[in-house]
Amino acid sequence: MEKQIRLSDLKFGPIRHPVLPGEFIERIKAFKKVLRDFDSVPLEQTIDNFQRDTDPESELVIWERIASTFETYLSHNPTTDSAVRKEILQFFLVPLWARKNVRTSNI
């Protein structure tokens, strides 16, 4: 049986990467720019999250691919309808959520 943990009981892990290279930060800014309409997490918090990640490069590649796929899809299927765009992004996030078994209200 899976153990249930309340969100309020979760604690942040340690900072594993105190300094992220400038290029890495620019890559974070780039994917956040693409997802800006739906990403409510401040840049500083996103950077902090990557600093805590055991493999920040792999995690960043995932987010870059999501942003790139989202952009490519919208370039072939343009829409300005925010609800539709959000639905499309959520579709692309499902594999990430399934992999982490996490649901988020930030998007």
Protein backbone atom coordinates (compact mmCIF):
# COMPACT_ATOMS: atom_id res chain seq x y z
CA MET A 1 0.00 0.00 0.00
CA GLU A 2 1.27 3.47 -0.90
CA LYS A 3 1.89 5.81 2.00
CA GLN A 4 0.01 9.10 1.76
CA ILE A 5 1.97 12.23 2.62
CA ARG A 6 0.38 15.62 3.13
CA LEU A 7 1.84 18.45 1.06
CA SER A 8 2.31 20.43 4.24
CA ASP A 9 4.65 17.70 5.53
CA LEU A 10 7.00 17.94 2.55
CA LYS A 11 10.30 19.71 3.08
CA PHE A 12 12.76 21.06 0.55
CA GLY A 13 15.88 18.99 0.00
CA PRO A 14 19.34 20.46 0.46
CA ILE A 15 21.04 22.78 -2.00
CA ARG A 16 23.21 20.44 -4.03
CA HIS A 17 24.44 22.97 -6.58
CA PRO A 18 25.06 26.34 -4.85
CA VAL A 19 26.09 28.00 -8.10
CA LEU A 20 24.51 27.34 -11.48
CA PRO A 21 26.41 28.59 -14.54
CA GLY A 22 25.16 31.77 -16.22
CA GLU A 23 24.33 29.82 -19.39
CA PHE A 24 22.18 27.45 -17.33
CA ILE A 25 20.28 30.41 -15.82
CA GLU A 26 19.71 31.81 -19.33
CA ARG A 27 18.28 28.46 -20.42
CA ILE A 28 15.90 28.54 -17.43
CA LYS A 29 14.81 32.06 -18.40
CA ALA A 30 14.23 30.92 -21.98
CA PHE A 31 11.88 28.05 -21.13
CA LYS A 32 10.07 30.18 -18.54
CA LYS A 33 9.50 32.86 -21.19
CA VAL A 34 7.73 30.32 -23.40
CA LEU A 35 5.57 29.10 -20.50
CA ARG A 36 5.14 32.53 -18.86
CA ASP A 37 1.37 32.72 -19.30
CA PHE A 38 0.93 29.60 -17.15
CA ASP A 39 4.01 29.44 -14.94
CA SER A 40 3.39 31.26 -11.67
CA VAL A 41 6.63 30.19 -10.01
CA PRO A 42 9.05 33.14 -9.66
CA LEU A 43 12.39 32.84 -11.45
CA GLU A 44 14.27 32.86 -8.14
CA GLN A 45 12.23 29.90 -6.86
CA THR A 46 12.77 27.99 -10.11
CA ILE A 47 16.53 28.55 -9.83
CA ASP A 48 16.41 27.41 -6.19
CA ASN A 49 14.55 24.26 -7.25
CA PHE A 50 17.22 23.46 -9.85
CA GLN A 51 19.93 24.01 -7.24
CA ARG A 52 18.27 21.35 -5.10
CA ASP A 53 17.88 18.86 -7.95
CA THR A 54 20.18 15.85 -8.01
CA ASP A 55 20.53 16.15 -11.80
CA PRO A 56 19.62 19.70 -12.81
CA GLU A 57 20.84 19.32 -16.40
CA SER A 58 18.48 16.41 -17.09
CA GLU A 59 15.60 18.27 -15.47
CA LEU A 60 16.31 21.39 -17.51
CA VAL A 61 16.40 19.37 -20.74
CA ILE A 62 12.92 18.05 -19.92
CA TRP A 63 11.55 21.58 -19.40
CA GLU A 64 13.26 22.81 -22.56
CA ARG A 65 11.65 20.00 -24.54
CA ILE A 66 8.23 20.76 -23.11
CA ALA A 67 8.61 24.44 -24.00
CA SER A 68 9.92 23.61 -27.48
CA THR A 69 7.13 21.13 -28.15
CA PHE A 70 4.55 23.65 -26.92
CA GLU A 71 5.97 26.35 -29.22
CA THR A 72 6.16 24.01 -32.20
CA TYR A 73 2.60 22.78 -31.69
CA LEU A 74 1.30 26.35 -31.45
CA SER A 75 3.22 27.39 -34.55
CA HIS A 76 1.29 24.74 -36.50
CA ASN A 77 -1.99 25.21 -34.60
CA PRO A 78 -2.13 28.89 -33.65
CA THR A 79 -4.60 30.01 -31.01
CA THR A 80 -4.82 33.01 -28.75
CA ASP A 81 -7.46 31.37 -26.56
CA SER A 82 -5.79 31.14 -23.16
CA ALA A 83 -7.92 28.20 -22.01
CA VAL A 84 -7.02 26.20 -25.11
CA ARG A 85 -3.32 27.06 -24.76
CA LYS A 86 -3.41 25.97 -21.11
CA GLU A 87 -5.08 22.68 -22.07
CA ILE A 88 -2.41 22.06 -24.70
CA LEU A 89 0.38 22.74 -22.20
CA GLN A 90 -1.22 20.45 -19.62
CA PHE A 91 -1.33 17.70 -22.24
CA PHE A 92 2.43 18.04 -22.72
CA LEU A 93 2.99 18.02 -18.94
CA VAL A 94 1.16 14.73 -18.30
CA PRO A 95 4.25 12.57 -18.96
CA LEU A 96 6.25 14.69 -16.51
CA TRP A 97 3.57 14.40 -13.86
CA ALA A 98 3.28 10.67 -14.41
CA ARG A 99 7.05 10.28 -14.10
CA LYS A 100 7.14 12.18 -10.83
CA ASN A 101 3.66 11.10 -9.70
CA VAL A 102 3.00 14.72 -8.77
CA ARG A 103 0.17 17.11 -9.53
CA THR A 104 0.68 20.85 -9.40
CA SER A 105 -1.62 23.82 -9.23
CA ASN A 106 1.10 26.18 -10.49
CA ILE A 107 0.16 25.44 -14.09
